[in-house]
PDBML (XML) file of the C-alpha atoms, coordinates in Angstrom:
<?xml version="1.0" encoding="UTF-8" ?>
<PDBx:datablock datablockName="MODEL"
   xmlns:PDBx="http://pdbml.pdb.org/schema/pdbx-v50.xsd"
   xmlns:xsi="http://www.w3.org/2001/XMLSchema-instance"
   xsi:schemaLocation="http://pdbml.pdb.org/schema/pdbx-v50.xsd pdbx-v50.xsd">
   <PDBx:atom_siteCategory>
      <PDBx:atom_site id="1">
         <PDBx:B_iso_or_equiv>0.00</PDBx:B_iso_or_equiv>
         <PDBx:Cartn_x>5.040</PDBx:Cartn_x>
         <PDBx:Cartn_y>80.902</PDBx:Cartn_y>
         <PDBx:Cartn_z>141.936</PDBx:Cartn_z>
         <PDBx:auth_asym_id>A</PDBx:auth_asym_id>
         <PDBx:auth_atom_id>CA</PDBx:auth_atom_id>
         <PDBx:auth_comp_id>ARG</PDBx:auth_comp_id>
         <PDBx:auth_seq_id>1</PDBx:auth_seq_id>
         <PDBx:group_PDB>ATOM</PDBx:group_PDB>
         <PDBx:label_alt_id xsi:nil="true" />
         <PDBx:label_asym_id>A</PDBx:label_asym_id>
         <PDBx:label_atom_id>CA</PDBx:label_atom_id>
         <PDBx:label_comp_id>ARG</PDBx:label_comp_id>
         <PDBx:label_entity_id>1</PDBx:label_entity_id>
         <PDBx:label_seq_id>1</PDBx:label_seq_id>
         <PDBx:occupancy>1.00</PDBx:occupancy>
         <PDBx:pdbx_PDB_model_num>1</PDBx:pdbx_PDB_model_num>
         <PDBx:type_symbol>C</PDBx:type_symbol>
      </PDBx:atom_site>
      <PDBx:atom_site id="2">
         <PDBx:B_iso_or_equiv>0.00</PDBx:B_iso_or_equiv>
         <PDBx:Cartn_x>2.823</PDBx:Cartn_x>
         <PDBx:Cartn_y>79.300</PDBx:Cartn_y>
         <PDBx:Cartn_z>144.581</PDBx:Cartn_z>
         <PDBx:auth_asym_id>A</PDBx:auth_asym_id>
         <PDBx:auth_atom_id>CA</PDBx:auth_atom_id>
         <PDBx:auth_comp_id>ASP</PDBx:auth_comp_id>
         <PDBx:auth_seq_id>2</PDBx:auth_seq_id>
         <PDBx:group_PDB>ATOM</PDBx:group_PDB>
         <PDBx:label_alt_id xsi:nil="true" />
         <PDBx:label_asym_id>A</PDBx:label_asym_id>
         <PDBx:label_atom_id>CA</PDBx:label_atom_id>
         <PDBx:label_comp_id>ASP</PDBx:label_comp_id>
         <PDBx:label_entity_id>1</PDBx:label_entity_id>
         <PDBx:label_seq_id>2</PDBx:label_seq_id>
         <PDBx:occupancy>1.00</PDBx:occupancy>
         <PDBx:pdbx_PDB_model_num>1</PDBx:pdbx_PDB_model_num>
         <PDBx:type_symbol>C</PDBx:type_symbol>
      </PDBx:atom_site>
      <PDBx:atom_site id="3">
         <PDBx:B_iso_or_equiv>0.00</PDBx:B_iso_or_equiv>
         <PDBx:Cartn_x>-0.210</PDBx:Cartn_x>
         <PDBx:Cartn_y>80.942</PDBx:Cartn_y>
         <PDBx:Cartn_z>142.983</PDBx:Cartn_z>
         <PDBx:auth_asym_id>A</PDBx:auth_asym_id>
         <PDBx:auth_atom_id>CA</PDBx:auth_atom_id>
         <PDBx:auth_comp_id>LEU</PDBx:auth_comp_id>
         <PDBx:auth_seq_id>3</PDBx:auth_seq_id>
         <PDBx:group_PDB>ATOM</PDBx:group_PDB>
         <PDBx:label_alt_id xsi:nil="true" />
         <PDBx:label_asym_id>A</PDBx:label_asym_id>
         <PDBx:label_atom_id>CA</PDBx:label_atom_id>
         <PDBx:label_comp_id>LEU</PDBx:label_comp_id>
         <PDBx:label_entity_id>1</PDBx:label_entity_id>
         <PDBx:label_seq_id>3</PDBx:label_seq_id>
         <PDBx:occupancy>1.00</PDBx:occupancy>
         <PDBx:pdbx_PDB_model_num>1</PDBx:pdbx_PDB_model_num>
         <PDBx:type_symbol>C</PDBx:type_symbol>
      </PDBx:atom_site>
      <PDBx:atom_site id="4">
         <PDBx:B_iso_or_equiv>0.00</PDBx:B_iso_or_equiv>
         <PDBx:Cartn_x>0.744</PDBx:Cartn_x>
         <PDBx:Cartn_y>79.446</PDBx:Cartn_y>
         <PDBx:Cartn_z>139.631</PDBx:Cartn_z>
         <PDBx:auth_asym_id>A</PDBx:auth_asym_id>
         <PDBx:auth_atom_id>CA</PDBx:auth_atom_id>
         <PDBx:auth_comp_id>THR</PDBx:auth_comp_id>
         <PDBx:auth_seq_id>4</PDBx:auth_seq_id>
         <PDBx:group_PDB>ATOM</PDBx:group_PDB>
         <PDBx:label_alt_id xsi:nil="true" />
         <PDBx:label_asym_id>A</PDBx:label_asym_id>
         <PDBx:label_atom_id>CA</PDBx:label_atom_id>
         <PDBx:label_comp_id>THR</PDBx:label_comp_id>
         <PDBx:label_entity_id>1</PDBx:label_entity_id>
         <PDBx:label_seq_id>4</PDBx:label_seq_id>
         <PDBx:occupancy>1.00</PDBx:occupancy>
         <PDBx:pdbx_PDB_model_num>1</PDBx:pdbx_PDB_model_num>
         <PDBx:type_symbol>C</PDBx:type_symbol>
      </PDBx:atom_site>
      <PDBx:atom_site id="5">
         <PDBx:B_iso_or_equiv>0.00</PDBx:B_iso_or_equiv>
         <PDBx:Cartn_x>0.834</PDBx:Cartn_x>
         <PDBx:Cartn_y>75.976</PDBx:Cartn_y>
         <PDBx:Cartn_z>141.192</PDBx:Cartn_z>
         <PDBx:auth_asym_id>A</PDBx:auth_asym_id>
         <PDBx:auth_atom_id>CA</PDBx:auth_atom_id>
         <PDBx:auth_comp_id>VAL</PDBx:auth_comp_id>
         <PDBx:auth_seq_id>5</PDBx:auth_seq_id>
         <PDBx:group_PDB>ATOM</PDBx:group_PDB>
         <PDBx:label_alt_id xsi:nil="true" />
         <PDBx:label_asym_id>A</PDBx:label_asym_id>
         <PDBx:label_atom_id>CA</PDBx:label_atom_id>
         <PDBx:label_comp_id>VAL</PDBx:label_comp_id>
         <PDBx:label_entity_id>1</PDBx:label_entity_id>
         <PDBx:label_seq_id>5</PDBx:label_seq_id>
         <PDBx:occupancy>1.00</PDBx:occupancy>
         <PDBx:pdbx_PDB_model_num>1</PDBx:pdbx_PDB_model_num>
         <PDBx:type_symbol>C</PDBx:type_symbol>
      </PDBx:atom_site>
      <PDBx:atom_site id="6">
         <PDBx:B_iso_or_equiv>0.00</PDBx:B_iso_or_equiv>
         <PDBx:Cartn_x>-2.468</PDBx:Cartn_x>
         <PDBx:Cartn_y>76.486</PDBx:Cartn_y>
         <PDBx:Cartn_z>143.002</PDBx:Cartn_z>
         <PDBx:auth_asym_id>A</PDBx:auth_asym_id>
         <PDBx:auth_atom_id>CA</PDBx:auth_atom_id>
         <PDBx:auth_comp_id>LEU</PDBx:auth_comp_id>
         <PDBx:auth_seq_id>6</PDBx:auth_seq_id>
         <PDBx:group_PDB>ATOM</PDBx:group_PDB>
         <PDBx:label_alt_id xsi:nil="true" />
         <PDBx:label_asym_id>A</PDBx:label_asym_id>
         <PDBx:label_atom_id>CA</PDBx:label_atom_id>
         <PDBx:label_comp_id>LEU</PDBx:label_comp_id>
         <PDBx:label_entity_id>1</PDBx:label_entity_id>
         <PDBx:label_seq_id>6</PDBx:label_seq_id>
         <PDBx:occupancy>1.00</PDBx:occupancy>
         <PDBx:pdbx_PDB_model_num>1</PDBx:pdbx_PDB_model_num>
         <PDBx:type_symbol>C</PDBx:type_symbol>
      </PDBx:atom_site>
      <PDBx:atom_site id="7">
         <PDBx:B_iso_or_equiv>0.00</PDBx:B_iso_or_equiv>
         <PDBx:Cartn_x>-4.113</PDBx:Cartn_x>
         <PDBx:Cartn_y>77.895</PDBx:Cartn_y>
         <PDBx:Cartn_z>139.879</PDBx:Cartn_z>
         <PDBx:auth_asym_id>A</PDBx:auth_asym_id>
         <PDBx:auth_atom_id>CA</PDBx:auth_atom_id>
         <PDBx:auth_comp_id>THR</PDBx:auth_comp_id>
         <PDBx:auth_seq_id>7</PDBx:auth_seq_id>
         <PDBx:group_PDB>ATOM</PDBx:group_PDB>
         <PDBx:label_alt_id xsi:nil="true" />
         <PDBx:label_asym_id>A</PDBx:label_asym_id>
         <PDBx:label_atom_id>CA</PDBx:label_atom_id>
         <PDBx:label_comp_id>THR</PDBx:label_comp_id>
         <PDBx:label_entity_id>1</PDBx:label_entity_id>
         <PDBx:label_seq_id>7</PDBx:label_seq_id>
         <PDBx:occupancy>1.00</PDBx:occupancy>
         <PDBx:pdbx_PDB_model_num>1</PDBx:pdbx_PDB_model_num>
         <PDBx:type_symbol>C</PDBx:type_symbol>
      </PDBx:atom_site>
      <PDBx:atom_site id="8">
         <PDBx:B_iso_or_equiv>0.00</PDBx:B_iso_or_equiv>
         <PDBx:Cartn_x>-2.886</PDBx:Cartn_x>
         <PDBx:Cartn_y>74.924</PDBx:Cartn_y>
         <PDBx:Cartn_z>137.870</PDBx:Cartn_z>
         <PDBx:auth_asym_id>A</PDBx:auth_asym_id>
         <PDBx:auth_atom_id>CA</PDBx:auth_atom_id>
         <PDBx:auth_comp_id>GLY</PDBx:auth_comp_id>
         <PDBx:auth_seq_id>8</PDBx:auth_seq_id>
         <PDBx:group_PDB>ATOM</PDBx:group_PDB>
         <PDBx:label_alt_id xsi:nil="true" />
         <PDBx:label_asym_id>A</PDBx:label_asym_id>
         <PDBx:label_atom_id>CA</PDBx:label_atom_id>
         <PDBx:label_comp_id>GLY</PDBx:label_comp_id>
         <PDBx:label_entity_id>1</PDBx:label_entity_id>
         <PDBx:label_seq_id>8</PDBx:label_seq_id>
         <PDBx:occupancy>1.00</PDBx:occupancy>
         <PDBx:pdbx_PDB_model_num>1</PDBx:pdbx_PDB_model_num>
         <PDBx:type_symbol>C</PDBx:type_symbol>
      </PDBx:atom_site>
      <PDBx:atom_site id="9">
         <PDBx:B_iso_or_equiv>0.00</PDBx:B_iso_or_equiv>
         <PDBx:Cartn_x>-4.345</PDBx:Cartn_x>
         <PDBx:Cartn_y>72.531</PDBx:Cartn_y>
         <PDBx:Cartn_z>140.411</PDBx:Cartn_z>
         <PDBx:auth_asym_id>A</PDBx:auth_asym_id>
         <PDBx:auth_atom_id>CA</PDBx:auth_atom_id>
         <PDBx:auth_comp_id>THR</PDBx:auth_comp_id>
         <PDBx:auth_seq_id>9</PDBx:auth_seq_id>
         <PDBx:group_PDB>ATOM</PDBx:group_PDB>
         <PDBx:label_alt_id xsi:nil="true" />
         <PDBx:label_asym_id>A</PDBx:label_asym_id>
         <PDBx:label_atom_id>CA</PDBx:label_atom_id>
         <PDBx:label_comp_id>THR</PDBx:label_comp_id>
         <PDBx:label_entity_id>1</PDBx:label_entity_id>
         <PDBx:label_seq_id>9</PDBx:label_seq_id>
         <PDBx:occupancy>1.00</PDBx:occupancy>
         <PDBx:pdbx_PDB_model_num>1</PDBx:pdbx_PDB_model_num>
         <PDBx:type_symbol>C</PDBx:type_symbol>
      </PDBx:atom_site>
      <PDBx:atom_site id="10">
         <PDBx:B_iso_or_equiv>0.00</PDBx:B_iso_or_equiv>
         <PDBx:Cartn_x>-7.664</PDBx:Cartn_x>
         <PDBx:Cartn_y>74.392</PDBx:Cartn_y>
         <PDBx:Cartn_z>140.371</PDBx:Cartn_z>
         <PDBx:auth_asym_id>A</PDBx:auth_asym_id>
         <PDBx:auth_atom_id>CA</PDBx:auth_atom_id>
         <PDBx:auth_comp_id>ARG</PDBx:auth_comp_id>
         <PDBx:auth_seq_id>10</PDBx:auth_seq_id>
         <PDBx:group_PDB>ATOM</PDBx:group_PDB>
         <PDBx:label_alt_id xsi:nil="true" />
         <PDBx:label_asym_id>A</PDBx:label_asym_id>
         <PDBx:label_atom_id>CA</PDBx:label_atom_id>
         <PDBx:label_comp_id>ARG</PDBx:label_comp_id>
         <PDBx:label_entity_id>1</PDBx:label_entity_id>
         <PDBx:label_seq_id>10</PDBx:label_seq_id>
         <PDBx:occupancy>1.00</PDBx:occupancy>
         <PDBx:pdbx_PDB_model_num>1</PDBx:pdbx_PDB_model_num>
         <PDBx:type_symbol>C</PDBx:type_symbol>
      </PDBx:atom_site>
      <PDBx:atom_site id="11">
         <PDBx:B_iso_or_equiv>0.00</PDBx:B_iso_or_equiv>
         <PDBx:Cartn_x>-7.793</PDBx:Cartn_x>
         <PDBx:Cartn_y>74.391</PDBx:Cartn_y>
         <PDBx:Cartn_z>136.574</PDBx:Cartn_z>
         <PDBx:auth_asym_id>A</PDBx:auth_asym_id>
         <PDBx:auth_atom_id>CA</PDBx:auth_atom_id>
         <PDBx:auth_comp_id>ASP</PDBx:auth_comp_id>
         <PDBx:auth_seq_id>11</PDBx:auth_seq_id>
         <PDBx:group_PDB>ATOM</PDBx:group_PDB>
         <PDBx:label_alt_id xsi:nil="true" />
         <PDBx:label_asym_id>A</PDBx:label_asym_id>
         <PDBx:label_atom_id>CA</PDBx:label_atom_id>
         <PDBx:label_comp_id>ASP</PDBx:label_comp_id>
         <PDBx:label_entity_id>1</PDBx:label_entity_id>
         <PDBx:label_seq_id>11</PDBx:label_seq_id>
         <PDBx:occupancy>1.00</PDBx:occupancy>
         <PDBx:pdbx_PDB_model_num>1</PDBx:pdbx_PDB_model_num>
         <PDBx:type_symbol>C</PDBx:type_symbol>
      </PDBx:atom_site>
      <PDBx:atom_site id="12">
         <PDBx:B_iso_or_equiv>0.00</PDBx:B_iso_or_equiv>
         <PDBx:Cartn_x>-7.041</PDBx:Cartn_x>
         <PDBx:Cartn_y>70.657</PDBx:Cartn_y>
         <PDBx:Cartn_z>136.450</PDBx:Cartn_z>
         <PDBx:auth_asym_id>A</PDBx:auth_asym_id>
         <PDBx:auth_atom_id>CA</PDBx:auth_atom_id>
         <PDBx:auth_comp_id>ASP</PDBx:auth_comp_id>
         <PDBx:auth_seq_id>12</PDBx:auth_seq_id>
         <PDBx:group_PDB>ATOM</PDBx:group_PDB>
         <PDBx:label_alt_id xsi:nil="true" />
         <PDBx:label_asym_id>A</PDBx:label_asym_id>
         <PDBx:label_atom_id>CA</PDBx:label_atom_id>
         <PDBx:label_comp_id>ASP</PDBx:label_comp_id>
         <PDBx:label_entity_id>1</PDBx:label_entity_id>
         <PDBx:label_seq_id>12</PDBx:label_seq_id>
         <PDBx:occupancy>1.00</PDBx:occupancy>
         <PDBx:pdbx_PDB_model_num>1</PDBx:pdbx_PDB_model_num>
         <PDBx:type_symbol>C</PDBx:type_symbol>
      </PDBx:atom_site>
      <PDBx:atom_site id="13">
         <PDBx:B_iso_or_equiv>0.00</PDBx:B_iso_or_equiv>
         <PDBx:Cartn_x>-9.935</PDBx:Cartn_x>
         <PDBx:Cartn_y>70.033</PDBx:Cartn_y>
         <PDBx:Cartn_z>138.835</PDBx:Cartn_z>
         <PDBx:auth_asym_id>A</PDBx:auth_asym_id>
         <PDBx:auth_atom_id>CA</PDBx:auth_atom_id>
         <PDBx:auth_comp_id>ILE</PDBx:auth_comp_id>
         <PDBx:auth_seq_id>13</PDBx:auth_seq_id>
         <PDBx:group_PDB>ATOM</PDBx:group_PDB>
         <PDBx:label_alt_id xsi:nil="true" />
         <PDBx:label_asym_id>A</PDBx:label_asym_id>
         <PDBx:label_atom_id>CA</PDBx:label_atom_id>
         <PDBx:label_comp_id>ILE</PDBx:label_comp_id>
         <PDBx:label_entity_id>1</PDBx:label_entity_id>
         <PDBx:label_seq_id>13</PDBx:label_seq_id>
         <PDBx:occupancy>1.00</PDBx:occupancy>
         <PDBx:pdbx_PDB_model_num>1</PDBx:pdbx_PDB_model_num>
         <PDBx:type_symbol>C</PDBx:type_symbol>
      </PDBx:atom_site>
      <PDBx:atom_site id="14">
         <PDBx:B_iso_or_equiv>0.00</PDBx:B_iso_or_equiv>
         <PDBx:Cartn_x>-12.202</PDBx:Cartn_x>
         <PDBx:Cartn_y>72.222</PDBx:Cartn_y>
         <PDBx:Cartn_z>136.714</PDBx:Cartn_z>
         <PDBx:auth_asym_id>A</PDBx:auth_asym_id>
         <PDBx:auth_atom_id>CA</PDBx:auth_atom_id>
         <PDBx:auth_comp_id>ARG</PDBx:auth_comp_id>
         <PDBx:auth_seq_id>14</PDBx:auth_seq_id>
         <PDBx:group_PDB>ATOM</PDBx:group_PDB>
         <PDBx:label_alt_id xsi:nil="true" />
         <PDBx:label_asym_id>A</PDBx:label_asym_id>
         <PDBx:label_atom_id>CA</PDBx:label_atom_id>
         <PDBx:label_comp_id>ARG</PDBx:label_comp_id>
         <PDBx:label_entity_id>1</PDBx:label_entity_id>
         <PDBx:label_seq_id>14</PDBx:label_seq_id>
         <PDBx:occupancy>1.00</PDBx:occupancy>
         <PDBx:pdbx_PDB_model_num>1</PDBx:pdbx_PDB_model_num>
         <PDBx:type_symbol>C</PDBx:type_symbol>
      </PDBx:atom_site>
      <PDBx:atom_site id="15">
         <PDBx:B_iso_or_equiv>0.00</PDBx:B_iso_or_equiv>
         <PDBx:Cartn_x>-11.229</PDBx:Cartn_x>
         <PDBx:Cartn_y>70.183</PDBx:Cartn_y>
         <PDBx:Cartn_z>133.666</PDBx:Cartn_z>
         <PDBx:auth_asym_id>A</PDBx:auth_asym_id>
         <PDBx:auth_atom_id>CA</PDBx:auth_atom_id>
         <PDBx:auth_comp_id>THR</PDBx:auth_comp_id>
         <PDBx:auth_seq_id>15</PDBx:auth_seq_id>
         <PDBx:group_PDB>ATOM</PDBx:group_PDB>
         <PDBx:label_alt_id xsi:nil="true" />
         <PDBx:label_asym_id>A</PDBx:label_asym_id>
         <PDBx:label_atom_id>CA</PDBx:label_atom_id>
         <PDBx:label_comp_id>THR</PDBx:label_comp_id>
         <PDBx:label_entity_id>1</PDBx:label_entity_id>
         <PDBx:label_seq_id>15</PDBx:label_seq_id>
         <PDBx:occupancy>1.00</PDBx:occupancy>
         <PDBx:pdbx_PDB_model_num>1</PDBx:pdbx_PDB_model_num>
         <PDBx:type_symbol>C</PDBx:type_symbol>
      </PDBx:atom_site>
      <PDBx:atom_site id="16">
         <PDBx:B_iso_or_equiv>0.00</PDBx:B_iso_or_equiv>
         <PDBx:Cartn_x>-11.960</PDBx:Cartn_x>
         <PDBx:Cartn_y>66.981</PDBx:Cartn_y>
         <PDBx:Cartn_z>135.559</PDBx:Cartn_z>
         <PDBx:auth_asym_id>A</PDBx:auth_asym_id>
         <PDBx:auth_atom_id>CA</PDBx:auth_atom_id>
         <PDBx:auth_comp_id>GLU</PDBx:auth_comp_id>
         <PDBx:auth_seq_id>16</PDBx:auth_seq_id>
         <PDBx:group_PDB>ATOM</PDBx:group_PDB>
         <PDBx:label_alt_id xsi:nil="true" />
         <PDBx:label_asym_id>A</PDBx:label_asym_id>
         <PDBx:label_atom_id>CA</PDBx:label_atom_id>
         <PDBx:label_comp_id>GLU</PDBx:label_comp_id>
         <PDBx:label_entity_id>1</PDBx:label_entity_id>
         <PDBx:label_seq_id>16</PDBx:label_seq_id>
         <PDBx:occupancy>1.00</PDBx:occupancy>
         <PDBx:pdbx_PDB_model_num>1</PDBx:pdbx_PDB_model_num>
         <PDBx:type_symbol>C</PDBx:type_symbol>
      </PDBx:atom_site>
      <PDBx:atom_site id="17">
         <PDBx:B_iso_or_equiv>0.00</PDBx:B_iso_or_equiv>
         <PDBx:Cartn_x>-15.325</PDBx:Cartn_x>
         <PDBx:Cartn_y>68.325</PDBx:Cartn_y>
         <PDBx:Cartn_z>136.652</PDBx:Cartn_z>
         <PDBx:auth_asym_id>A</PDBx:auth_asym_id>
         <PDBx:auth_atom_id>CA</PDBx:auth_atom_id>
         <PDBx:auth_comp_id>LEU</PDBx:auth_comp_id>
         <PDBx:auth_seq_id>17</PDBx:auth_seq_id>
         <PDBx:group_PDB>ATOM</PDBx:group_PDB>
         <PDBx:label_alt_id xsi:nil="true" />
         <PDBx:label_asym_id>A</PDBx:label_asym_id>
         <PDBx:label_atom_id>CA</PDBx:label_atom_id>
         <PDBx:label_comp_id>LEU</PDBx:label_comp_id>
         <PDBx:label_entity_id>1</PDBx:label_entity_id>
         <PDBx:label_seq_id>17</PDBx:label_seq_id>
         <PDBx:occupancy>1.00</PDBx:occupancy>
         <PDBx:pdbx_PDB_model_num>1</PDBx:pdbx_PDB_model_num>
         <PDBx:type_symbol>C</PDBx:type_symbol>
      </PDBx:atom_site>
      <PDBx:atom_site id="18">
         <PDBx:B_iso_or_equiv>0.00</PDBx:B_iso_or_equiv>
         <PDBx:Cartn_x>-16.181</PDBx:Cartn_x>
         <PDBx:Cartn_y>69.380</PDBx:Cartn_y>
         <PDBx:Cartn_z>133.102</PDBx:Cartn_z>
         <PDBx:auth_asym_id>A</PDBx:auth_asym_id>
         <PDBx:auth_atom_id>CA</PDBx:auth_atom_id>
         <PDBx:auth_comp_id>THR</PDBx:auth_comp_id>
         <PDBx:auth_seq_id>18</PDBx:auth_seq_id>
         <PDBx:group_PDB>ATOM</PDBx:group_PDB>
         <PDBx:label_alt_id xsi:nil="true" />
         <PDBx:label_asym_id>A</PDBx:label_asym_id>
         <PDBx:label_atom_id>CA</PDBx:label_atom_id>
         <PDBx:label_comp_id>THR</PDBx:label_comp_id>
         <PDBx:label_entity_id>1</PDBx:label_entity_id>
         <PDBx:label_seq_id>18</PDBx:label_seq_id>
         <PDBx:occupancy>1.00</PDBx:occupancy>
         <PDBx:pdbx_PDB_model_num>1</PDBx:pdbx_PDB_model_num>
         <PDBx:type_symbol>C</PDBx:type_symbol>
      </PDBx:atom_site>
      <PDBx:atom_site id="19">
         <PDBx:B_iso_or_equiv>0.00</PDBx:B_iso_or_equiv>
         <PDBx:Cartn_x>-15.364</PDBx:Cartn_x>
         <PDBx:Cartn_y>65.873</PDBx:Cartn_y>
         <PDBx:Cartn_z>131.868</PDBx:Cartn_z>
         <PDBx:auth_asym_id>A</PDBx:auth_asym_id>
         <PDBx:auth_atom_id>CA</PDBx:auth_atom_id>
         <PDBx:auth_comp_id>ARG</PDBx:auth_comp_id>
         <PDBx:auth_seq_id>19</PDBx:auth_seq_id>
         <PDBx:group_PDB>ATOM</PDBx:group_PDB>
         <PDBx:label_alt_id xsi:nil="true" />
         <PDBx:label_asym_id>A</PDBx:label_asym_id>
         <PDBx:label_atom_id>CA</PDBx:label_atom_id>
         <PDBx:label_comp_id>ARG</PDBx:label_comp_id>
         <PDBx:label_entity_id>1</PDBx:label_entity_id>
         <PDBx:label_seq_id>19</PDBx:label_seq_id>
         <PDBx:occupancy>1.00</PDBx:occupancy>
         <PDBx:pdbx_PDB_model_num>1</PDBx:pdbx_PDB_model_num>
         <PDBx:type_symbol>C</PDBx:type_symbol>
      </PDBx:atom_site>
      <PDBx:atom_site id="20">
         <PDBx:B_iso_or_equiv>0.00</PDBx:B_iso_or_equiv>
         <PDBx:Cartn_x>-17.549</PDBx:Cartn_x>
         <PDBx:Cartn_y>64.323</PDBx:Cartn_y>
         <PDBx:Cartn_z>134.565</PDBx:Cartn_z>
         <PDBx:auth_asym_id>A</PDBx:auth_asym_id>
         <PDBx:auth_atom_id>CA</PDBx:auth_atom_id>
         <PDBx:auth_comp_id>LEU</PDBx:auth_comp_id>
         <PDBx:auth_seq_id>20</PDBx:auth_seq_id>
         <PDBx:group_PDB>ATOM</PDBx:group_PDB>
         <PDBx:label_alt_id xsi:nil="true" />
         <PDBx:label_asym_id>A</PDBx:label_asym_id>
         <PDBx:label_atom_id>CA</PDBx:label_atom_id>
         <PDBx:label_comp_id>LEU</PDBx:label_comp_id>
         <PDBx:label_entity_id>1</PDBx:label_entity_id>
         <PDBx:label_seq_id>20</PDBx:label_seq_id>
         <PDBx:occupancy>1.00</PDBx:occupancy>
         <PDBx:pdbx_PDB_model_num>1</PDBx:pdbx_PDB_model_num>
         <PDBx:type_symbol>C</PDBx:type_symbol>
      </PDBx:atom_site>
      <PDBx:atom_site id="21">
         <PDBx:B_iso_or_equiv>0.00</PDBx:B_iso_or_equiv>
         <PDBx:Cartn_x>-20.429</PDBx:Cartn_x>
         <PDBx:Cartn_y>66.655</PDBx:Cartn_y>
         <PDBx:Cartn_z>133.726</PDBx:Cartn_z>
         <PDBx:auth_asym_id>A</PDBx:auth_asym_id>
         <PDBx:auth_atom_id>CA</PDBx:auth_atom_id>
         <PDBx:auth_comp_id>GLU</PDBx:auth_comp_id>
         <PDBx:auth_seq_id>21</PDBx:auth_seq_id>
         <PDBx:group_PDB>ATOM</PDBx:group_PDB>
         <PDBx:label_alt_id xsi:nil="true" />
         <PDBx:label_asym_id>A</PDBx:label_asym_id>
         <PDBx:label_atom_id>CA</PDBx:label_atom_id>
         <PDBx:label_comp_id>GLU</PDBx:label_comp_id>
         <PDBx:label_entity_id>1</PDBx:label_entity_id>
         <PDBx:label_seq_id>21</PDBx:label_seq_id>
         <PDBx:occupancy>1.00</PDBx:occupancy>
         <PDBx:pdbx_PDB_model_num>1</PDBx:pdbx_PDB_model_num>
         <PDBx:type_symbol>C</PDBx:type_symbol>
      </PDBx:atom_site>
      <PDBx:atom_site id="22">
         <PDBx:B_iso_or_equiv>0.00</PDBx:B_iso_or_equiv>
         <PDBx:Cartn_x>-20.086</PDBx:Cartn_x>
         <PDBx:Cartn_y>65.647</PDBx:Cartn_y>
         <PDBx:Cartn_z>130.095</PDBx:Cartn_z>
         <PDBx:auth_asym_id>A</PDBx:auth_asym_id>
         <PDBx:auth_atom_id>CA</PDBx:auth_atom_id>
         <PDBx:auth_comp_id>SER</PDBx:auth_comp_id>
         <PDBx:auth_seq_id>22</PDBx:auth_seq_id>
         <PDBx:group_PDB>ATOM</PDBx:group_PDB>
         <PDBx:label_alt_id xsi:nil="true" />
         <PDBx:label_asym_id>A</PDBx:label_asym_id>
         <PDBx:label_atom_id>CA</PDBx:label_atom_id>
         <PDBx:label_comp_id>SER</PDBx:label_comp_id>
         <PDBx:label_entity_id>1</PDBx:label_entity_id>
         <PDBx:label_seq_id>22</PDBx:label_seq_id>
         <PDBx:occupancy>1.00</PDBx:occupancy>
         <PDBx:pdbx_PDB_model_num>1</PDBx:pdbx_PDB_model_num>
         <PDBx:type_symbol>C</PDBx:type_symbol>
      </PDBx:atom_site>
      <PDBx:atom_site id="23">
         <PDBx:B_iso_or_equiv>0.00</PDBx:B_iso_or_equiv>
         <PDBx:Cartn_x>-20.081</PDBx:Cartn_x>
         <PDBx:Cartn_y>61.953</PDBx:Cartn_y>
         <PDBx:Cartn_z>131.055</PDBx:Cartn_z>
         <PDBx:auth_asym_id>A</PDBx:auth_asym_id>
         <PDBx:auth_atom_id>CA</PDBx:auth_atom_id>
         <PDBx:auth_comp_id>ASP</PDBx:auth_comp_id>
         <PDBx:auth_seq_id>23</PDBx:auth_seq_id>
         <PDBx:group_PDB>ATOM</PDBx:group_PDB>
         <PDBx:label_alt_id xsi:nil="true" />
         <PDBx:label_asym_id>A</PDBx:label_asym_id>
         <PDBx:label_atom_id>CA</PDBx:label_atom_id>
         <PDBx:label_comp_id>ASP</PDBx:label_comp_id>
         <PDBx:label_entity_id>1</PDBx:label_entity_id>
         <PDBx:label_seq_id>23</PDBx:label_seq_id>
         <PDBx:occupancy>1.00</PDBx:occupancy>
         <PDBx:pdbx_PDB_model_num>1</PDBx:pdbx_PDB_model_num>
         <PDBx:type_symbol>C</PDBx:type_symbol>
      </PDBx:atom_site>
      <PDBx:atom_site id="24">
         <PDBx:B_iso_or_equiv>0.00</PDBx:B_iso_or_equiv>
         <PDBx:Cartn_x>-23.213</PDBx:Cartn_x>
         <PDBx:Cartn_y>62.478</PDBx:Cartn_y>
         <PDBx:Cartn_z>133.153</PDBx:Cartn_z>
         <PDBx:auth_asym_id>A</PDBx:auth_asym_id>
         <PDBx:auth_atom_id>CA</PDBx:auth_atom_id>
         <PDBx:auth_comp_id>VAL</PDBx:auth_comp_id>
         <PDBx:auth_seq_id>24</PDBx:auth_seq_id>
         <PDBx:group_PDB>ATOM</PDBx:group_PDB>
         <PDBx:label_alt_id xsi:nil="true" />
         <PDBx:label_asym_id>A</PDBx:label_asym_id>
         <PDBx:label_atom_id>CA</PDBx:label_atom_id>
         <PDBx:label_comp_id>VAL</PDBx:label_comp_id>
         <PDBx:label_entity_id>1</PDBx:label_entity_id>
         <PDBx:label_seq_id>24</PDBx:label_seq_id>
         <PDBx:occupancy>1.00</PDBx:occupancy>
         <PDBx:pdbx_PDB_model_num>1</PDBx:pdbx_PDB_model_num>
         <PDBx:type_symbol>C</PDBx:type_symbol>
      </PDBx:atom_site>
      <PDBx:atom_site id="25">
         <PDBx:B_iso_or_equiv>0.00</PDBx:B_iso_or_equiv>
         <PDBx:Cartn_x>-24.995</PDBx:Cartn_x>
         <PDBx:Cartn_y>64.206</PDBx:Cartn_y>
         <PDBx:Cartn_z>130.256</PDBx:Cartn_z>
         <PDBx:auth_asym_id>A</PDBx:auth_asym_id>
         <PDBx:auth_atom_id>CA</PDBx:auth_atom_id>
         <PDBx:auth_comp_id>ARG</PDBx:auth_comp_id>
         <PDBx:auth_seq_id>25</PDBx:auth_seq_id>
         <PDBx:group_PDB>ATOM</PDBx:group_PDB>
         <PDBx:label_alt_id xsi:nil="true" />
         <PDBx:label_asym_id>A</PDBx:label_asym_id>
         <PDBx:label_atom_id>CA</PDBx:label_atom_id>
         <PDBx:label_comp_id>ARG</PDBx:label_comp_id>
         <PDBx:label_entity_id>1</PDBx:label_entity_id>
         <PDBx:label_seq_id>25</PDBx:label_seq_id>
         <PDBx:occupancy>1.00</PDBx:occupancy>
         <PDBx:pdbx_PDB_model_num>1</PDBx:pdbx_PDB_model_num>
         <PDBx:type_symbol>C</PDBx:type_symbol>
      </PDBx:atom_site>
   </PDBx:atom_siteCategory>
</PDBx:datablock>
């Protein structure tokens, strides 16, 4: 259960980073 929460947090950050990379491009 803790891993699910941590994975969700990591994936949200990855999504945020992808959006920022797109904005930079």
